[in-house]
């Protein structure tokens, strides 16, 4: 069985931090693909292009005054591991947004151990993600919705009432926090519910 390539995004405004961390990860992890961004705007552009990441390492200063955008990104990349890259003080409200934290003065082996530990923990919690997060029927509705079907067409294809379809759509939007069809389509692609 082939080893899966790990897709990592590093988001920090420092060229030296981004490239130093990138070099450390490339030396320590076998199959890895790294993207680097220097702002939240660049990160949003990658999202819009359909990029998918297993791990996002981000400087909390990017989210400190952009919590709405960060919350939106977290909902879309909900199976992604979010690691805060800390080199100054941040209040607990911000640091709690991450699956784990690494510090700029951590030894290389500590950084790798932290990434491996949080990766293993996240894999275990995501094994039943689709079953626990969206019901089978909600996944069926989501698939048909992303194909461009109307509520009436979905109801006909699934042999349920239009009212039930609307209820499923409300539940999907509530669980994902995404209200637009384009946003739900991106969510479905990233979470491998549909293929492009």
N, C-alpha and C. Protein backbone atom coordinates (compact mmCIF):
# COMPACT_ATOMS: atom_id res chain seq x y z
N UNK A 1 0.84 -1.18 0.00
CA UNK A 1 0.00 0.00 0.00
C UNK A 1 0.89 1.25 0.00
N UNK A 2 0.55 2.20 -0.88
CA UNK A 2 1.34 3.44 -0.97
C UNK A 2 1.06 4.33 0.22
N UNK A 3 2.13 4.98 0.67
CA UNK A 3 2.00 5.93 1.77
C UNK A 3 1.35 7.21 1.24
N UNK A 4 0.39 7.73 1.99
CA UNK A 4 -0.34 8.93 1.60
C UNK A 4 0.53 10.16 1.76
N UNK A 5 0.47 11.06 0.79
CA UNK A 5 1.17 12.34 0.90
C UNK A 5 0.40 13.23 1.87
N UNK A 6 1.12 13.84 2.79
CA UNK A 6 0.51 14.74 3.77
C UNK A 6 0.60 16.16 3.22
N UNK A 7 -0.56 16.80 3.09
CA UNK A 7 -0.62 18.19 2.60
C UNK A 7 -0.66 19.14 3.79
N UNK A 8 0.34 20.02 3.86
CA UNK A 8 0.46 20.95 4.98
C UNK A 8 0.49 22.37 4.45
N UNK A 9 -0.23 23.24 5.14
CA UNK A 9 -0.19 24.67 4.85
C UNK A 9 0.47 25.36 6.05
N UNK A 10 1.47 26.19 5.76
CA UNK A 10 2.10 27.01 6.80
C UNK A 10 1.71 28.46 6.52
N UNK A 11 1.12 29.11 7.53
CA UNK A 11 0.64 30.47 7.36
C UNK A 11 1.24 31.38 8.43
N UNK A 12 2.22 32.14 8.02
CA UNK A 12 2.88 33.08 8.92
C UNK A 12 3.42 34.22 8.07
N UNK A 13 3.54 35.40 8.66
CA UNK A 13 4.01 36.55 7.88
C UNK A 13 5.53 36.59 7.75
N UNK A 14 6.25 35.72 8.47
CA UNK A 14 7.71 35.71 8.45
C UNK A 14 8.26 34.72 7.43
N UNK A 15 9.06 35.23 6.51
CA UNK A 15 9.72 34.38 5.52
C UNK A 15 10.59 33.34 6.22
N UNK A 16 11.34 33.75 7.23
CA UNK A 16 12.26 32.85 7.91
C UNK A 16 11.54 31.76 8.69
N UNK A 17 10.46 32.11 9.37
CA UNK A 17 9.69 31.12 10.11
C UNK A 17 9.07 30.12 9.14
N UNK A 18 8.42 30.62 8.10
CA UNK A 18 7.78 29.73 7.12
C UNK A 18 8.77 28.77 6.49
N UNK A 19 9.88 29.29 6.01
CA UNK A 19 10.85 28.44 5.32
C UNK A 19 11.63 27.53 6.26
N UNK A 20 11.91 28.01 7.49
CA UNK A 20 12.58 27.16 8.47
C UNK A 20 11.70 25.99 8.87
N UNK A 21 10.43 26.26 9.14
CA UNK A 21 9.49 25.20 9.51
C UNK A 21 9.28 24.24 8.35
N UNK A 22 9.19 24.79 7.15
CA UNK A 22 9.03 23.96 5.96
C UNK A 22 10.21 23.00 5.80
N UNK A 23 11.41 23.51 5.96
CA UNK A 23 12.62 22.69 5.84
C UNK A 23 12.64 21.59 6.90
N UNK A 24 12.29 21.94 8.13
CA UNK A 24 12.24 20.95 9.22
C UNK A 24 11.26 19.83 8.89
N UNK A 25 10.06 20.20 8.43
CA UNK A 25 9.03 19.19 8.12
C UNK A 25 9.45 18.31 6.95
N UNK A 26 10.04 18.90 5.92
CA UNK A 26 10.48 18.12 4.76
C UNK A 26 11.56 17.10 5.14
N UNK A 27 12.42 17.44 6.10
CA UNK A 27 13.46 16.51 6.56
C UNK A 27 12.88 15.40 7.43
N UNK A 28 11.79 15.69 8.12
CA UNK A 28 11.27 14.77 9.14
C UNK A 28 10.11 13.90 8.69
N UNK A 29 9.38 14.31 7.67
CA UNK A 29 8.20 13.57 7.22
C UNK A 29 8.43 13.09 5.80
N UNK A 30 8.23 11.78 5.57
CA UNK A 30 8.55 11.17 4.27
C UNK A 30 7.82 11.79 3.09
N UNK A 31 6.53 11.58 3.00
CA UNK A 31 5.76 12.08 1.85
C UNK A 31 4.98 13.31 2.29
N UNK A 32 5.43 14.46 1.81
CA UNK A 32 4.84 15.70 2.28
C UNK A 32 4.78 16.71 1.14
N UNK A 33 3.72 17.50 1.12
CA UNK A 33 3.60 18.61 0.18
C UNK A 33 3.25 19.83 1.01
N UNK A 34 4.06 20.88 0.88
CA UNK A 34 3.87 22.07 1.70
C UNK A 34 3.53 23.28 0.84
N UNK A 35 2.52 24.01 1.28
CA UNK A 35 2.18 25.31 0.70
C UNK A 35 2.47 26.35 1.78
N UNK A 36 2.95 27.51 1.37
CA UNK A 36 3.24 28.59 2.30
C UNK A 36 2.45 29.82 1.89
N UNK A 37 1.82 30.47 2.88
CA UNK A 37 1.15 31.74 2.64
C UNK A 37 1.60 32.73 3.70
N UNK A 38 1.51 34.00 3.35
CA UNK A 38 1.97 35.05 4.24
C UNK A 38 0.84 35.91 4.78
N UNK A 39 -0.41 35.57 4.43
CA UNK A 39 -1.56 36.33 4.92
C UNK A 39 -2.82 35.48 4.86
N UNK A 40 -3.83 35.91 5.58
CA UNK A 40 -5.12 35.23 5.57
C UNK A 40 -5.79 35.36 4.20
N UNK A 41 -5.52 36.46 3.51
CA UNK A 41 -6.07 36.67 2.16
C UNK A 41 -5.55 35.59 1.22
N UNK A 42 -4.23 35.32 1.27
CA UNK A 42 -3.66 34.25 0.43
C UNK A 42 -4.27 32.90 0.78
N UNK A 43 -4.50 32.68 2.07
CA UNK A 43 -5.09 31.43 2.53
C UNK A 43 -6.50 31.25 1.97
N UNK A 44 -7.27 32.33 1.96
CA UNK A 44 -8.63 32.30 1.43
C UNK A 44 -8.61 32.02 -0.07
N UNK A 45 -7.62 32.57 -0.78
CA UNK A 45 -7.51 32.31 -2.22
C UNK A 45 -7.25 30.83 -2.49
N UNK A 46 -6.43 30.18 -1.65
CA UNK A 46 -6.19 28.74 -1.81
C UNK A 46 -7.48 27.96 -1.59
N UNK A 47 -8.27 28.39 -0.60
CA UNK A 47 -9.55 27.74 -0.32
C UNK A 47 -10.45 27.85 -1.55
N UNK A 48 -10.48 29.05 -2.14
CA UNK A 48 -11.33 29.28 -3.31
C UNK A 48 -10.90 28.44 -4.51
N UNK A 49 -9.62 28.07 -4.57
CA UNK A 49 -9.11 27.22 -5.66
C UNK A 49 -9.32 25.74 -5.37
N UNK A 50 -9.88 25.40 -4.18
CA UNK A 50 -10.20 24.02 -3.86
C UNK A 50 -9.05 23.24 -3.23
N UNK A 51 -8.04 23.93 -2.72
CA UNK A 51 -6.94 23.23 -2.06
C UNK A 51 -7.46 22.53 -0.81
N UNK A 52 -6.89 21.38 -0.51
CA UNK A 52 -7.26 20.61 0.67
C UNK A 52 -6.00 20.36 1.49
N UNK A 53 -6.09 20.52 2.80
CA UNK A 53 -4.93 20.34 3.66
C UNK A 53 -5.23 19.37 4.79
N UNK A 54 -4.24 18.54 5.12
CA UNK A 54 -4.36 17.65 6.27
C UNK A 54 -4.04 18.41 7.55
N UNK A 55 -3.06 19.31 7.45
CA UNK A 55 -2.62 20.10 8.60
C UNK A 55 -2.44 21.55 8.17
N UNK A 56 -2.93 22.47 9.00
CA UNK A 56 -2.68 23.89 8.80
C UNK A 56 -1.97 24.41 10.05
N UNK A 57 -0.77 24.94 9.84
CA UNK A 57 0.00 25.55 10.93
C UNK A 57 -0.08 27.06 10.70
N UNK A 58 -0.67 27.77 11.65
CA UNK A 58 -0.98 29.18 11.42
C UNK A 58 -0.63 30.04 12.63
N UNK A 59 -0.11 31.22 12.35
CA UNK A 59 0.18 32.20 13.39
C UNK A 59 -1.16 32.76 13.88
N UNK A 60 -1.43 32.68 15.18
CA UNK A 60 -2.71 33.18 15.70
C UNK A 60 -2.98 34.65 15.42
N UNK A 61 -1.93 35.43 15.12
CA UNK A 61 -2.17 36.85 14.81
C UNK A 61 -3.02 37.00 13.55
N UNK A 62 -3.01 35.98 12.67
CA UNK A 62 -3.84 36.01 11.47
C UNK A 62 -5.32 36.00 11.82
N UNK A 63 -5.66 35.36 12.93
CA UNK A 63 -7.08 35.22 13.27
C UNK A 63 -7.55 36.19 14.34
N UNK A 64 -6.61 36.82 15.01
CA UNK A 64 -6.94 37.67 16.15
C UNK A 64 -8.02 38.70 15.81
N UNK A 65 -7.93 39.32 14.64
CA UNK A 65 -8.91 40.34 14.25
C UNK A 65 -9.75 39.90 13.05
N UNK A 66 -9.66 38.62 12.72
CA UNK A 66 -10.40 38.06 11.58
C UNK A 66 -11.11 36.78 12.00
N UNK A 67 -11.77 36.81 13.12
CA UNK A 67 -12.36 35.58 13.66
C UNK A 67 -13.48 35.03 12.80
N UNK A 68 -14.24 35.91 12.15
CA UNK A 68 -15.35 35.45 11.30
C UNK A 68 -14.79 34.65 10.11
N UNK A 69 -13.76 35.19 9.47
CA UNK A 69 -13.14 34.50 8.33
C UNK A 69 -12.50 33.20 8.78
N UNK A 70 -11.83 33.22 9.94
CA UNK A 70 -11.21 32.01 10.47
C UNK A 70 -12.25 30.95 10.77
N UNK A 71 -13.36 31.35 11.38
CA UNK A 71 -14.44 30.43 11.70
C UNK A 71 -14.99 29.79 10.42
N UNK A 72 -15.12 30.58 9.37
CA UNK A 72 -15.59 30.08 8.08
C UNK A 72 -14.60 29.05 7.51
N UNK A 73 -13.30 29.36 7.59
CA UNK A 73 -12.28 28.42 7.10
C UNK A 73 -12.29 27.12 7.89
N UNK A 74 -12.46 27.23 9.22
CA UNK A 74 -12.48 26.02 10.06
C UNK A 74 -13.67 25.13 9.73
N UNK A 75 -14.80 25.74 9.37
CA UNK A 75 -15.97 24.93 9.04
C UNK A 75 -15.76 24.21 7.72
N UNK A 76 -15.12 24.88 6.76
CA UNK A 76 -14.86 24.25 5.47
C UNK A 76 -13.78 23.18 5.60
N UNK A 77 -12.72 23.50 6.32
CA UNK A 77 -11.62 22.55 6.55
C UNK A 77 -11.83 21.85 7.89
N UNK A 78 -13.02 21.28 8.10
CA UNK A 78 -13.33 20.74 9.42
C UNK A 78 -12.63 19.42 9.74
N UNK A 79 -12.08 18.74 8.75
CA UNK A 79 -11.32 17.52 9.05
C UNK A 79 -9.82 17.80 9.07
N UNK A 80 -9.45 19.06 8.95
CA UNK A 80 -8.05 19.48 8.97
C UNK A 80 -7.58 19.67 10.41
N UNK A 81 -6.32 19.36 10.64
CA UNK A 81 -5.71 19.60 11.94
C UNK A 81 -5.20 21.04 11.95
N UNK A 82 -5.63 21.82 12.94
CA UNK A 82 -5.24 23.22 13.07
C UNK A 82 -4.24 23.36 14.20
N UNK A 83 -3.04 23.83 13.89
CA UNK A 83 -2.00 24.00 14.89
C UNK A 83 -1.59 25.47 14.94
N UNK A 84 -1.63 26.05 16.14
CA UNK A 84 -1.21 27.43 16.32
C UNK A 84 0.30 27.51 16.44
N UNK A 85 0.90 28.44 15.72
CA UNK A 85 2.34 28.68 15.76
C UNK A 85 2.58 29.90 16.64
N UNK A 86 3.03 29.65 17.86
CA UNK A 86 3.06 30.68 18.89
C UNK A 86 4.46 31.25 19.08
N UNK A 87 4.57 32.58 18.99
CA UNK A 87 5.80 33.22 19.43
C UNK A 87 5.54 34.55 20.10
N UNK A 88 4.37 34.67 20.66
CA UNK A 88 4.07 35.77 21.56
C UNK A 88 2.85 35.35 22.38
N UNK A 89 2.41 36.18 23.29
CA UNK A 89 1.29 35.83 24.16
C UNK A 89 -0.04 36.05 23.45
N UNK A 90 -0.93 35.05 23.56
CA UNK A 90 -2.30 35.17 23.05
C UNK A 90 -3.24 34.72 24.14
N UNK A 91 -4.39 35.36 24.23
CA UNK A 91 -5.33 34.95 25.27
C UNK A 91 -5.90 33.57 24.97
N UNK A 92 -6.43 32.96 26.01
CA UNK A 92 -6.93 31.58 25.94
C UNK A 92 -8.04 31.43 24.90
N UNK A 93 -8.85 32.46 24.75
CA UNK A 93 -9.96 32.42 23.78
C UNK A 93 -9.45 32.14 22.36
N UNK A 94 -8.27 32.65 22.04
CA UNK A 94 -7.68 32.41 20.71
C UNK A 94 -6.99 31.06 20.65
N UNK A 95 -6.17 30.73 21.65
CA UNK A 95 -5.41 29.47 21.60
C UNK A 95 -6.31 28.24 21.67
N UNK A 96 -7.50 28.37 22.25
CA UNK A 96 -8.43 27.25 22.32
C UNK A 96 -9.03 26.90 20.95
N UNK A 97 -8.84 27.75 19.96
CA UNK A 97 -9.36 27.50 18.62
C UNK A 97 -8.57 26.40 17.89
N UNK A 98 -7.41 26.02 18.43
CA UNK A 98 -6.52 25.09 17.74
C UNK A 98 -6.57 23.69 18.35
N UNK A 99 -6.23 22.70 17.51
CA UNK A 99 -6.12 21.32 17.99
C UNK A 99 -4.88 21.15 18.86
N UNK A 100 -3.85 21.93 18.58
CA UNK A 100 -2.61 21.90 19.35
C UNK A 100 -1.83 23.18 19.08
N UNK A 101 -0.75 23.34 19.84
CA UNK A 101 0.11 24.51 19.69
C UNK A 101 1.56 24.06 19.57
N UNK A 102 2.31 24.77 18.72
CA UNK A 102 3.76 24.62 18.73
C UNK A 102 4.34 26.01 18.94
N UNK A 103 5.51 26.04 19.55
CA UNK A 103 6.14 27.31 19.90
C UNK A 103 7.38 27.50 19.05
N UNK A 104 7.64 28.74 18.67
CA UNK A 104 8.74 29.04 17.77
C UNK A 104 10.09 28.61 18.36
N UNK A 105 10.18 28.51 19.69
CA UNK A 105 11.45 28.10 20.30
C UNK A 105 11.48 26.62 20.68
N UNK A 106 10.47 25.84 20.26
CA UNK A 106 10.48 24.38 20.49
C UNK A 106 11.63 23.74 19.72
N UNK A 107 12.19 22.68 20.30
CA UNK A 107 13.19 21.89 19.60
C UNK A 107 12.52 21.16 18.43
N UNK A 108 13.26 20.87 17.35
CA UNK A 108 12.66 20.19 16.19
C UNK A 108 11.92 18.91 16.56
N UNK A 109 12.49 18.09 17.45
CA UNK A 109 11.83 16.83 17.81
C UNK A 109 10.52 17.06 18.56
N UNK A 110 10.42 18.16 19.29
CA UNK A 110 9.18 18.50 20.00
C UNK A 110 8.10 18.90 18.99
N UNK A 111 8.49 19.68 17.98
CA UNK A 111 7.54 20.10 16.93
C UNK A 111 6.98 18.87 16.21
N UNK A 112 7.87 17.96 15.80
CA UNK A 112 7.44 16.75 15.08
C UNK A 112 6.57 15.87 15.98
N UNK A 113 6.97 15.72 17.24
CA UNK A 113 6.18 14.90 18.17
C UNK A 113 4.78 15.50 18.35
N UNK A 114 4.69 16.80 18.48
CA UNK A 114 3.39 17.47 18.64
C UNK A 114 2.51 17.23 17.42
N UNK A 115 3.08 17.38 16.24
CA UNK A 115 2.32 17.16 15.00
C UNK A 115 1.85 15.71 14.90
N UNK A 116 2.73 14.76 15.20
CA UNK A 116 2.36 13.35 15.15
C UNK A 116 1.28 13.00 16.17
N UNK A 117 1.42 13.53 17.38
CA UNK A 117 0.44 13.25 18.44
C UNK A 117 -0.94 13.78 18.07
N UNK A 118 -1.01 15.02 17.63
CA UNK A 118 -2.31 15.59 17.28
C UNK A 118 -2.88 14.92 16.04
N UNK A 119 -2.03 14.50 15.11
CA UNK A 119 -2.49 13.79 13.90
C UNK A 119 -3.15 12.47 14.29
N UNK A 120 -2.50 11.72 15.16
CA UNK A 120 -3.05 10.43 15.60
C UNK A 120 -4.37 10.63 16.33
N UNK A 121 -4.42 11.64 17.20
CA UNK A 121 -5.64 11.92 17.96
C UNK A 121 -6.78 12.32 17.03
N UNK A 122 -6.48 13.15 16.04
CA UNK A 122 -7.51 13.63 15.11
C UNK A 122 -8.01 12.48 14.23
N UNK A 123 -7.08 11.61 13.77
CA UNK A 123 -7.49 10.46 12.95
C UNK A 123 -8.50 9.60 13.69
N UNK A 124 -8.22 9.33 14.98
CA UNK A 124 -9.13 8.51 15.77
C UNK A 124 -10.50 9.16 15.89
N UNK A 125 -10.53 10.48 16.11
CA UNK A 125 -11.81 11.16 16.29
C UNK A 125 -12.58 11.33 14.98
N UNK A 126 -11.87 11.24 13.83
CA UNK A 126 -12.55 11.44 12.54
C UNK A 126 -12.96 10.14 11.85
N UNK A 127 -12.66 8.99 12.46
CA UNK A 127 -12.98 7.72 11.80
C UNK A 127 -14.45 7.62 11.43
N UNK A 128 -15.30 8.07 12.33
CA UNK A 128 -16.75 8.00 12.08
C UNK A 128 -17.34 9.36 11.78
N UNK A 129 -16.51 10.27 11.24
CA UNK A 129 -16.94 11.65 11.02
C UNK A 129 -18.24 11.75 10.22
N UNK A 130 -18.26 11.11 9.06
CA UNK A 130 -19.44 11.26 8.20
C UNK A 130 -20.69 10.70 8.86
N UNK A 131 -20.53 9.56 9.55
CA UNK A 131 -21.69 8.94 10.18
C UNK A 131 -22.20 9.80 11.34
N UNK A 132 -21.29 10.35 12.12
CA UNK A 132 -21.70 11.13 13.29
C UNK A 132 -22.10 12.55 12.90
N UNK A 133 -21.43 13.10 11.92
CA UNK A 133 -21.62 14.51 11.61
C UNK A 133 -22.86 14.73 10.74
N UNK A 134 -22.94 14.04 9.63
CA UNK A 134 -24.11 14.11 8.75
C UNK A 134 -24.70 12.71 8.66
N UNK A 135 -26.02 12.63 8.69
CA UNK A 135 -26.67 11.33 8.55
C UNK A 135 -26.53 10.86 7.10
N UNK A 136 -26.78 9.58 6.87
CA UNK A 136 -26.72 9.04 5.51
C UNK A 136 -27.68 9.78 4.58
N UNK A 137 -28.87 10.09 5.07
CA UNK A 137 -29.87 10.79 4.25
C UNK A 137 -29.41 12.21 3.96
N UNK A 138 -28.80 12.88 4.94
CA UNK A 138 -28.28 14.23 4.72
C UNK A 138 -27.17 14.21 3.67
N UNK A 139 -26.36 13.18 3.69
CA UNK A 139 -25.30 13.05 2.68
C UNK A 139 -25.91 12.85 1.30
N UNK A 140 -26.98 12.04 1.20
CA UNK A 140 -27.67 11.86 -0.08
C UNK A 140 -28.23 13.19 -0.58
N UNK A 141 -28.87 13.95 0.31
CA UNK A 141 -29.43 15.25 -0.07
C UNK A 141 -28.32 16.19 -0.50
N UNK A 142 -27.22 16.21 0.25
CA UNK A 142 -26.09 17.07 -0.08
C UNK A 142 -25.53 16.74 -1.47
N UNK A 143 -25.38 15.46 -1.77
CA UNK A 143 -24.86 15.05 -3.09
C UNK A 143 -25.78 15.55 -4.21
N UNK A 144 -27.08 15.35 -4.04
CA UNK A 144 -28.03 15.79 -5.07
C UNK A 144 -28.07 17.31 -5.17
N UNK A 145 -27.93 17.98 -4.06
CA UNK A 145 -27.91 19.44 -4.03
C UNK A 145 -26.71 19.97 -4.81
N UNK A 146 -25.54 19.36 -4.61
CA UNK A 146 -24.33 19.81 -5.30
C UNK A 146 -24.37 19.54 -6.79
N UNK A 147 -25.25 18.63 -7.20
CA UNK A 147 -25.43 18.34 -8.63
C UNK A 147 -26.36 19.36 -9.29
N UNK A 148 -26.92 20.27 -8.50
CA UNK A 148 -27.78 21.32 -9.05
C UNK A 148 -29.26 21.00 -9.01
N UNK A 149 -29.65 19.98 -8.28
CA UNK A 149 -31.07 19.62 -8.18
C UNK A 149 -31.82 20.59 -7.27
N UNK A 150 -33.07 20.86 -7.62
CA UNK A 150 -33.93 21.69 -6.77
C UNK A 150 -34.49 20.83 -5.64
N UNK A 151 -35.11 21.48 -4.67
CA UNK A 151 -35.74 20.73 -3.57
C UNK A 151 -36.77 19.73 -4.10
N UNK A 152 -37.53 20.16 -5.07
CA UNK A 152 -38.57 19.29 -5.65
C UNK A 152 -37.94 18.08 -6.35
N UNK A 153 -36.86 18.31 -7.10
CA UNK A 153 -36.18 17.22 -7.80
C UNK A 153 -35.55 16.23 -6.80
N UNK A 154 -34.96 16.77 -5.72
CA UNK A 154 -34.37 15.91 -4.69
C UNK A 154 -35.46 15.06 -4.05
N UNK A 155 -36.60 15.68 -3.73
CA UNK A 155 -37.72 14.97 -3.12
C UNK A 155 -38.19 13.83 -4.02
N UNK A 156 -38.31 14.10 -5.32
CA UNK A 156 -38.74 13.09 -6.28
C UNK A 156 -37.74 11.93 -6.34
N UNK A 157 -36.45 12.25 -6.44
CA UNK A 157 -35.41 11.22 -6.56
C UNK A 157 -35.28 10.35 -5.31
N UNK A 158 -35.48 10.96 -4.14
CA UNK A 158 -35.35 10.21 -2.89
C UNK A 158 -36.68 9.67 -2.37
N UNK A 159 -37.77 10.00 -3.09
CA UNK A 159 -39.11 9.55 -2.72
C UNK A 159 -39.49 10.01 -1.31
N UNK A 160 -39.23 11.31 -1.05
CA UNK A 160 -39.60 11.93 0.21
C UNK A 160 -40.30 13.26 -0.12
N UNK A 161 -40.88 13.88 0.88
CA UNK A 161 -41.60 15.14 0.62
C UNK A 161 -40.61 16.30 0.49
N UNK A 162 -41.07 17.35 -0.20
CA UNK A 162 -40.26 18.56 -0.34
C UNK A 162 -39.98 19.17 1.04
N UNK A 163 -40.96 19.09 1.93
CA UNK A 163 -40.79 19.60 3.29
C UNK A 163 -39.63 18.87 3.99
N UNK A 164 -39.53 17.56 3.80
CA UNK A 164 -38.45 16.77 4.41
C UNK A 164 -37.10 17.18 3.83
N UNK A 165 -37.06 17.44 2.53
CA UNK A 165 -35.81 17.90 1.89
C UNK A 165 -35.38 19.22 2.52
N UNK A 166 -36.32 20.14 2.68
CA UNK A 166 -36.02 21.44 3.27
C UNK A 166 -35.49 21.27 4.70
N UNK A 167 -36.08 20.35 5.46
CA UNK A 167 -35.61 20.07 6.82
C UNK A 167 -34.18 19.54 6.79
N UNK A 168 -33.89 18.61 5.87
CA UNK A 168 -32.53 18.07 5.75
C UNK A 168 -31.54 19.19 5.39
N UNK A 169 -31.94 20.06 4.47
CA UNK A 169 -31.06 21.17 4.07
C UNK A 169 -30.78 22.10 5.26
N UNK A 170 -31.80 22.37 6.06
CA UNK A 170 -31.61 23.21 7.25
C UNK A 170 -30.63 22.53 8.21
N UNK A 171 -30.79 21.22 8.40
CA UNK A 171 -29.90 20.47 9.29
C UNK A 171 -28.46 20.49 8.78
N UNK A 172 -28.29 20.32 7.48
CA UNK A 172 -26.95 20.34 6.87
C UNK A 172 -26.32 21.71 7.08
N UNK A 173 -27.07 22.77 6.82
CA UNK A 173 -26.56 24.13 7.00
C UNK A 173 -26.22 24.40 8.46
N UNK A 174 -27.07 23.92 9.36
CA UNK A 174 -26.83 24.12 10.79
C UNK A 174 -25.56 23.39 11.24
N UNK A 175 -25.40 22.14 10.81
CA UNK A 175 -24.25 21.34 11.24
C UNK A 175 -22.93 21.84 10.65
N UNK A 176 -22.97 22.30 9.40
CA UNK A 176 -21.74 22.75 8.75
C UNK A 176 -21.49 24.23 8.93
N UNK A 177 -22.55 24.98 9.21
CA UNK A 177 -22.42 26.43 9.32
C UNK A 177 -22.33 27.10 7.96
N UNK A 178 -22.67 26.36 6.90
CA UNK A 178 -22.56 26.87 5.52
C UNK A 178 -23.96 26.95 4.93
N UNK A 179 -24.29 28.11 4.37
CA UNK A 179 -25.64 28.32 3.86
C UNK A 179 -25.75 28.29 2.34
N UNK A 180 -24.67 28.56 1.62
CA UNK A 180 -24.74 28.64 0.17
C UNK A 180 -24.46 27.28 -0.47
N UNK A 181 -25.03 27.06 -1.65
CA UNK A 181 -24.79 25.81 -2.38
C UNK A 181 -23.33 25.70 -2.78
N UNK A 182 -22.72 26.82 -3.18
CA UNK A 182 -21.30 26.77 -3.57
C UNK A 182 -20.43 26.42 -2.37
N UNK A 183 -20.74 26.97 -1.20
CA UNK A 183 -20.00 26.63 0.01
C UNK A 183 -20.18 25.17 0.40
N UNK A 184 -21.41 24.67 0.28
CA UNK A 184 -21.68 23.25 0.58
C UNK A 184 -20.98 22.33 -0.42
N UNK A 185 -20.89 22.78 -1.67
CA UNK A 185 -20.18 21.99 -2.68
C UNK A 185 -18.71 21.88 -2.33
N UNK A 186 -18.11 23.00 -1.95
CA UNK A 186 -16.70 23.00 -1.54
C UNK A 186 -16.52 22.11 -0.31
N UNK A 187 -17.42 22.20 0.64
CA UNK A 187 -17.40 21.35 1.84
C UNK A 187 -17.44 19.88 1.44
N UNK A 188 -18.33 19.53 0.51
CA UNK A 188 -18.48 18.13 0.08
C UNK A 188 -17.23 17.63 -0.63
N UNK A 189 -16.59 18.48 -1.43
CA UNK A 189 -15.36 18.09 -2.13
C UNK A 189 -14.24 17.87 -1.13
N UNK A 190 -14.04 18.82 -0.23
CA UNK A 190 -12.95 18.74 0.75
C UNK A 190 -13.09 17.53 1.65
N UNK A 191 -14.33 17.19 2.01
CA UNK A 191 -14.57 16.06 2.90
C UNK A 191 -14.80 14.74 2.14
N UNK A 192 -14.49 14.75 0.83
CA UNK A 192 -14.55 13.58 -0.03
C UNK A 192 -15.93 12.92 -0.05
N UNK A 193 -16.97 13.76 0.07
CA UNK A 193 -18.34 13.27 -0.06
C UNK A 193 -18.68 13.17 -1.55
N UNK A 194 -18.13 14.11 -2.34
CA UNK A 194 -18.27 14.06 -3.80
C UNK A 194 -16.89 14.26 -4.43
N UNK A 195 -16.77 13.87 -5.69
CA UNK A 195 -15.56 14.12 -6.46
C UNK A 195 -15.85 15.19 -7.50
N UNK A 196 -14.84 15.96 -7.85
CA UNK A 196 -15.03 16.99 -8.87
C UNK A 196 -15.15 16.32 -10.22
